[in-house]
Amino acid sequence: MPLTIVRDEGDDGEPLQGTGFAIEVSRCGARLHAPFLTPVGSRIRVLNEHSRESREFRVIRVSERKRDGMFELGVEILHPTRNFWNIRFPDESMGYADSGVERDFPTVHS
């Protein structure tokens, strides 16, 4: 999935922007193939090229440079939405209020 990845400030104080793509995604984060290195803990903005939606992520893992000159970033989304990746995750098909999950666990009274 093609993405535009933006880091607010590069080493020279200017914003970094480049094209990358998602290798793996979940509702809470992703593993990205990114055109630049950014430190763990930094924030980046990711634009999903298909939906044109943009979200802020925190970098939680960084890999060494790959043979193609790209980096892998492990990121977590800061403000999740159900449809940022345009993927329907398995638990979205069941309504939690109607799932009966609360009946599967005993009630604890104090």
N, C-alpha and C. Protein backbone atom coordinates (compact mmCIF):
# COMPACT_ATOMS: atom_id res chain seq x y z
N MET A 1 0.85 -1.17 0.00
CA MET A 1 0.00 0.00 0.00
C MET A 1 0.90 1.24 0.00
N PRO A 2 0.83 2.07 -1.01
CA PRO A 2 1.68 3.26 -1.07
C PRO A 2 1.27 4.31 -0.04
N LEU A 3 2.28 4.93 0.56
CA LEU A 3 2.07 5.93 1.61
C LEU A 3 3.00 7.10 1.38
N THR A 4 2.59 8.26 1.84
CA THR A 4 3.49 9.39 1.96
C THR A 4 3.81 9.51 3.45
N ILE A 5 5.10 9.53 3.77
CA ILE A 5 5.54 9.58 5.16
C ILE A 5 6.25 10.90 5.38
N VAL A 6 5.83 11.62 6.41
CA VAL A 6 6.39 12.94 6.70
C VAL A 6 6.90 12.98 8.13
N ARG A 7 8.12 13.44 8.29
CA ARG A 7 8.69 13.70 9.62
C ARG A 7 8.84 15.21 9.72
N ASP A 8 8.37 15.78 10.82
CA ASP A 8 8.35 17.23 10.96
C ASP A 8 9.71 17.88 10.77
N GLU A 9 10.76 17.27 11.31
CA GLU A 9 12.05 17.92 11.22
C GLU A 9 13.16 16.93 10.93
N GLY A 10 13.92 17.21 9.91
CA GLY A 10 15.10 16.41 9.60
C GLY A 10 16.30 16.97 10.34
N ASP A 11 17.48 16.46 10.05
CA ASP A 11 18.70 16.92 10.70
C ASP A 11 18.98 18.40 10.45
N ASP A 12 18.55 18.91 9.30
CA ASP A 12 18.79 20.32 8.97
C ASP A 12 17.64 21.23 9.40
N GLY A 13 16.67 20.69 10.13
CA GLY A 13 15.55 21.50 10.59
C GLY A 13 14.38 21.56 9.62
N GLU A 14 14.59 21.05 8.41
CA GLU A 14 13.54 21.04 7.39
C GLU A 14 12.72 19.75 7.49
N PRO A 15 11.44 19.81 7.15
CA PRO A 15 10.64 18.58 7.16
C PRO A 15 11.16 17.56 6.14
N LEU A 16 11.07 16.29 6.51
CA LEU A 16 11.42 15.20 5.60
C LEU A 16 10.12 14.62 5.06
N GLN A 17 10.09 14.31 3.80
CA GLN A 17 8.91 13.70 3.20
C GLN A 17 9.37 12.73 2.13
N GLY A 18 8.71 11.57 2.08
CA GLY A 18 9.07 10.60 1.07
C GLY A 18 7.98 9.58 0.89
N THR A 19 8.14 8.77 -0.14
CA THR A 19 7.17 7.73 -0.43
C THR A 19 7.66 6.42 0.15
N GLY A 20 6.77 5.75 0.87
CA GLY A 20 7.06 4.44 1.43
C GLY A 20 5.85 3.55 1.23
N PHE A 21 5.84 2.43 1.94
CA PHE A 21 4.66 1.58 1.87
C PHE A 21 4.54 0.75 3.14
N ALA A 22 3.34 0.27 3.38
CA ALA A 22 3.05 -0.56 4.54
C ALA A 22 3.38 -2.01 4.22
N ILE A 23 4.14 -2.64 5.10
CA ILE A 23 4.47 -4.06 4.95
C ILE A 23 3.43 -4.89 5.69
N GLU A 24 3.11 -4.49 6.91
CA GLU A 24 2.10 -5.14 7.74
C GLU A 24 1.31 -4.05 8.44
N VAL A 25 0.02 -4.29 8.64
CA VAL A 25 -0.80 -3.31 9.34
C VAL A 25 -1.69 -4.00 10.36
N SER A 26 -2.06 -3.25 11.38
CA SER A 26 -3.07 -3.66 12.34
C SER A 26 -3.85 -2.40 12.69
N ARG A 27 -4.88 -2.54 13.47
CA ARG A 27 -5.64 -1.37 13.86
C ARG A 27 -4.78 -0.41 14.70
N CYS A 28 -3.80 -0.96 15.44
CA CYS A 28 -3.00 -0.16 16.37
C CYS A 28 -1.68 0.33 15.80
N GLY A 29 -1.25 -0.18 14.67
CA GLY A 29 0.05 0.23 14.15
C GLY A 29 0.38 -0.43 12.84
N ALA A 30 1.68 -0.41 12.54
CA ALA A 30 2.11 -0.97 11.26
C ALA A 30 3.63 -1.14 11.25
N ARG A 31 4.08 -1.88 10.25
CA ARG A 31 5.50 -1.95 9.91
C ARG A 31 5.61 -1.30 8.55
N LEU A 32 6.39 -0.23 8.49
CA LEU A 32 6.49 0.57 7.27
C LEU A 32 7.87 0.42 6.64
N HIS A 33 7.92 0.50 5.34
CA HIS A 33 9.14 0.59 4.56
C HIS A 33 9.27 2.08 4.27
N ALA A 34 10.24 2.75 4.88
CA ALA A 34 10.33 4.21 4.82
C ALA A 34 11.62 4.67 4.15
N PRO A 35 11.58 5.83 3.49
CA PRO A 35 12.75 6.32 2.75
C PRO A 35 13.79 7.02 3.61
N PHE A 36 13.51 7.20 4.90
CA PHE A 36 14.47 7.88 5.77
C PHE A 36 14.41 7.28 7.17
N LEU A 37 15.48 7.49 7.91
CA LEU A 37 15.59 7.01 9.28
C LEU A 37 15.02 8.07 10.21
N THR A 38 14.29 7.64 11.20
CA THR A 38 13.77 8.56 12.21
C THR A 38 13.90 7.87 13.56
N PRO A 39 14.27 8.58 14.61
CA PRO A 39 14.56 7.94 15.89
C PRO A 39 13.31 7.36 16.57
N VAL A 40 13.54 6.33 17.38
CA VAL A 40 12.47 5.76 18.20
C VAL A 40 11.93 6.87 19.10
N GLY A 41 10.62 6.94 19.21
CA GLY A 41 9.96 7.96 20.03
C GLY A 41 9.51 9.17 19.24
N SER A 42 10.04 9.34 18.02
CA SER A 42 9.64 10.50 17.22
C SER A 42 8.25 10.26 16.62
N ARG A 43 7.63 11.33 16.20
CA ARG A 43 6.32 11.25 15.58
C ARG A 43 6.43 11.53 14.09
N ILE A 44 5.65 10.77 13.34
CA ILE A 44 5.59 10.98 11.90
C ILE A 44 4.13 11.07 11.49
N ARG A 45 3.90 11.63 10.34
CA ARG A 45 2.55 11.68 9.77
C ARG A 45 2.55 10.78 8.55
N VAL A 46 1.51 9.94 8.45
CA VAL A 46 1.40 9.01 7.33
C VAL A 46 0.12 9.33 6.57
N LEU A 47 0.27 9.49 5.27
CA LEU A 47 -0.87 9.73 4.38
C LEU A 47 -1.13 8.47 3.59
N ASN A 48 -2.32 7.90 3.75
CA ASN A 48 -2.73 6.74 2.97
C ASN A 48 -3.11 7.25 1.58
N GLU A 49 -2.36 6.85 0.58
CA GLU A 49 -2.56 7.36 -0.78
C GLU A 49 -3.90 6.95 -1.38
N HIS A 50 -4.47 5.83 -0.92
CA HIS A 50 -5.76 5.38 -1.46
C HIS A 50 -6.93 6.20 -0.90
N SER A 51 -6.95 6.37 0.41
CA SER A 51 -8.08 7.07 1.05
C SER A 51 -7.83 8.57 1.18
N ARG A 52 -6.59 9.00 1.03
CA ARG A 52 -6.17 10.40 1.20
C ARG A 52 -6.33 10.84 2.66
N GLU A 53 -6.40 9.89 3.58
CA GLU A 53 -6.51 10.19 5.01
C GLU A 53 -5.11 10.19 5.61
N SER A 54 -4.90 11.09 6.55
CA SER A 54 -3.61 11.24 7.20
C SER A 54 -3.77 11.05 8.70
N ARG A 55 -2.81 10.36 9.32
CA ARG A 55 -2.81 10.13 10.76
C ARG A 55 -1.40 10.27 11.30
N GLU A 56 -1.32 10.59 12.60
CA GLU A 56 -0.04 10.72 13.27
C GLU A 56 0.32 9.39 13.95
N PHE A 57 1.60 9.00 13.84
CA PHE A 57 2.11 7.76 14.41
C PHE A 57 3.34 8.06 15.25
N ARG A 58 3.63 7.19 16.22
CA ARG A 58 4.86 7.25 17.01
C ARG A 58 5.73 6.08 16.57
N VAL A 59 7.01 6.36 16.35
CA VAL A 59 7.96 5.32 15.95
C VAL A 59 8.36 4.54 17.19
N ILE A 60 8.19 3.21 17.13
CA ILE A 60 8.51 2.36 18.28
C ILE A 60 9.67 1.40 18.00
N ARG A 61 10.04 1.26 16.72
CA ARG A 61 11.15 0.39 16.35
C ARG A 61 11.73 0.86 15.02
N VAL A 62 13.04 0.76 14.90
CA VAL A 62 13.72 1.16 13.66
C VAL A 62 14.71 0.06 13.28
N SER A 63 14.75 -0.26 11.99
CA SER A 63 15.70 -1.27 11.52
C SER A 63 16.90 -0.59 10.84
N GLU A 64 17.88 -1.39 10.56
CA GLU A 64 19.02 -0.92 9.79
C GLU A 64 18.60 -0.67 8.35
N ARG A 65 19.40 0.08 7.62
CA ARG A 65 19.13 0.35 6.21
C ARG A 65 19.12 -0.96 5.43
N LYS A 66 18.13 -1.11 4.58
CA LYS A 66 18.01 -2.30 3.73
C LYS A 66 18.85 -2.10 2.47
N ARG A 67 18.99 -3.16 1.70
CA ARG A 67 19.78 -3.09 0.46
C ARG A 67 19.24 -2.06 -0.52
N ASP A 68 17.93 -1.82 -0.47
CA ASP A 68 17.34 -0.85 -1.39
C ASP A 68 17.43 0.58 -0.86
N GLY A 69 18.12 0.77 0.28
CA GLY A 69 18.29 2.11 0.83
C GLY A 69 17.15 2.56 1.73
N MET A 70 16.15 1.71 1.90
CA MET A 70 14.99 2.04 2.73
C MET A 70 15.20 1.50 4.15
N PHE A 71 14.36 1.97 5.07
CA PHE A 71 14.38 1.54 6.46
C PHE A 71 13.02 0.94 6.81
N GLU A 72 13.01 0.07 7.82
CA GLU A 72 11.74 -0.42 8.33
C GLU A 72 11.47 0.28 9.65
N LEU A 73 10.26 0.82 9.77
CA LEU A 73 9.83 1.48 10.99
C LEU A 73 8.65 0.73 11.58
N GLY A 74 8.72 0.42 12.85
CA GLY A 74 7.55 -0.08 13.58
C GLY A 74 6.88 1.14 14.17
N VAL A 75 5.59 1.32 13.91
CA VAL A 75 4.89 2.51 14.36
C VAL A 75 3.57 2.14 15.02
N GLU A 76 3.14 3.00 15.96
CA GLU A 76 1.82 2.85 16.55
C GLU A 76 1.02 4.11 16.25
N ILE A 77 -0.25 3.91 15.92
CA ILE A 77 -1.11 5.03 15.57
C ILE A 77 -1.52 5.75 16.86
N LEU A 78 -1.49 7.07 16.83
CA LEU A 78 -1.81 7.83 18.03
C LEU A 78 -3.31 8.09 18.18
N HIS A 79 -4.02 8.19 17.10
CA HIS A 79 -5.47 8.44 17.15
C HIS A 79 -6.14 7.46 16.19
N PRO A 80 -6.37 6.22 16.67
CA PRO A 80 -6.87 5.18 15.76
C PRO A 80 -8.26 5.48 15.19
N THR A 81 -8.45 5.04 13.99
CA THR A 81 -9.77 5.02 13.37
C THR A 81 -9.96 3.63 12.81
N ARG A 82 -11.16 3.22 12.67
CA ARG A 82 -11.42 1.86 12.21
C ARG A 82 -11.02 1.65 10.75
N ASN A 83 -10.98 2.69 9.96
CA ASN A 83 -10.82 2.46 8.53
C ASN A 83 -9.60 3.16 7.93
N PHE A 84 -8.59 3.49 8.71
CA PHE A 84 -7.44 4.20 8.14
C PHE A 84 -6.77 3.39 7.04
N TRP A 85 -6.64 2.07 7.22
CA TRP A 85 -5.94 1.23 6.25
C TRP A 85 -6.86 0.72 5.17
N ASN A 86 -8.16 1.04 5.25
CA ASN A 86 -9.16 0.52 4.30
C ASN A 86 -9.20 -1.01 4.33
N ILE A 87 -9.07 -1.56 5.54
CA ILE A 87 -9.12 -3.00 5.76
C ILE A 87 -10.16 -3.27 6.83
N ARG A 88 -10.97 -4.27 6.61
CA ARG A 88 -11.94 -4.66 7.62
C ARG A 88 -11.29 -5.75 8.48
N PHE A 89 -11.03 -5.44 9.74
CA PHE A 89 -10.42 -6.39 10.66
C PHE A 89 -11.50 -7.34 11.18
N PRO A 90 -11.12 -8.58 11.55
CA PRO A 90 -12.11 -9.60 11.91
C PRO A 90 -13.10 -9.17 12.98
N ASP A 91 -12.69 -8.48 14.02
CA ASP A 91 -13.61 -8.14 15.10
C ASP A 91 -14.57 -7.01 14.74
N GLU A 92 -14.40 -6.39 13.60
CA GLU A 92 -15.33 -5.34 13.19
C GLU A 92 -16.66 -5.91 12.71
N SER A 93 -16.70 -7.19 12.41
CA SER A 93 -17.93 -7.78 11.91
C SER A 93 -18.89 -8.17 13.03
N MET A 94 -18.41 -8.16 14.27
CA MET A 94 -19.31 -8.50 15.37
C MET A 94 -19.55 -7.28 16.24
N GLY A 95 -20.77 -7.08 16.65
CA GLY A 95 -21.10 -5.98 17.53
C GLY A 95 -20.78 -6.37 18.96
N TYR A 96 -19.92 -5.63 19.62
CA TYR A 96 -19.53 -5.99 20.98
C TYR A 96 -20.72 -5.97 21.93
N ALA A 97 -21.64 -5.06 21.77
CA ALA A 97 -22.79 -4.98 22.68
C ALA A 97 -23.66 -6.22 22.56
N ASP A 98 -23.67 -6.84 21.39
CA ASP A 98 -24.52 -8.00 21.18
C ASP A 98 -23.75 -9.31 21.23
N SER A 99 -22.47 -9.28 21.53
CA SER A 99 -21.65 -10.47 21.42
C SER A 99 -21.82 -11.44 22.57
N GLY A 100 -22.35 -10.99 23.72
CA GLY A 100 -22.49 -11.87 24.87
C GLY A 100 -21.19 -12.09 25.61
N VAL A 101 -20.14 -11.33 25.29
CA VAL A 101 -18.85 -11.51 25.93
C VAL A 101 -18.96 -11.33 27.43
N GLU A 102 -19.73 -10.34 27.87
CA GLU A 102 -19.84 -10.09 29.31
C GLU A 102 -20.48 -11.26 30.04
N ARG A 103 -21.24 -12.11 29.36
CA ARG A 103 -21.86 -13.28 29.99
C ARG A 103 -20.88 -14.43 30.12
N ASP A 104 -19.77 -14.37 29.39
CA ASP A 104 -18.79 -15.47 29.43
C ASP A 104 -17.88 -15.41 30.65
N PHE A 105 -17.91 -14.31 31.39
CA PHE A 105 -17.04 -14.14 32.54
C PHE A 105 -17.90 -13.98 33.79
N PRO A 106 -17.47 -14.57 34.91
CA PRO A 106 -18.27 -14.43 36.13
C PRO A 106 -18.25 -13.00 36.64
N THR A 107 -19.33 -12.60 37.25
CA THR A 107 -19.41 -11.28 37.85
C THR A 107 -18.77 -11.33 39.23
N VAL A 108 -17.91 -10.39 39.52
CA VAL A 108 -17.24 -10.35 40.82
C VAL A 108 -17.94 -9.32 41.68
N HIS A 109 -18.39 -9.73 42.85
CA HIS A 109 -19.04 -8.82 43.80
C HIS A 109 -18.11 -8.61 44.97
N SER A 110 -18.03 -7.37 45.43
CA SER A 110 -17.14 -7.10 46.58
C SER A 110 -17.93 -6.98 47.85
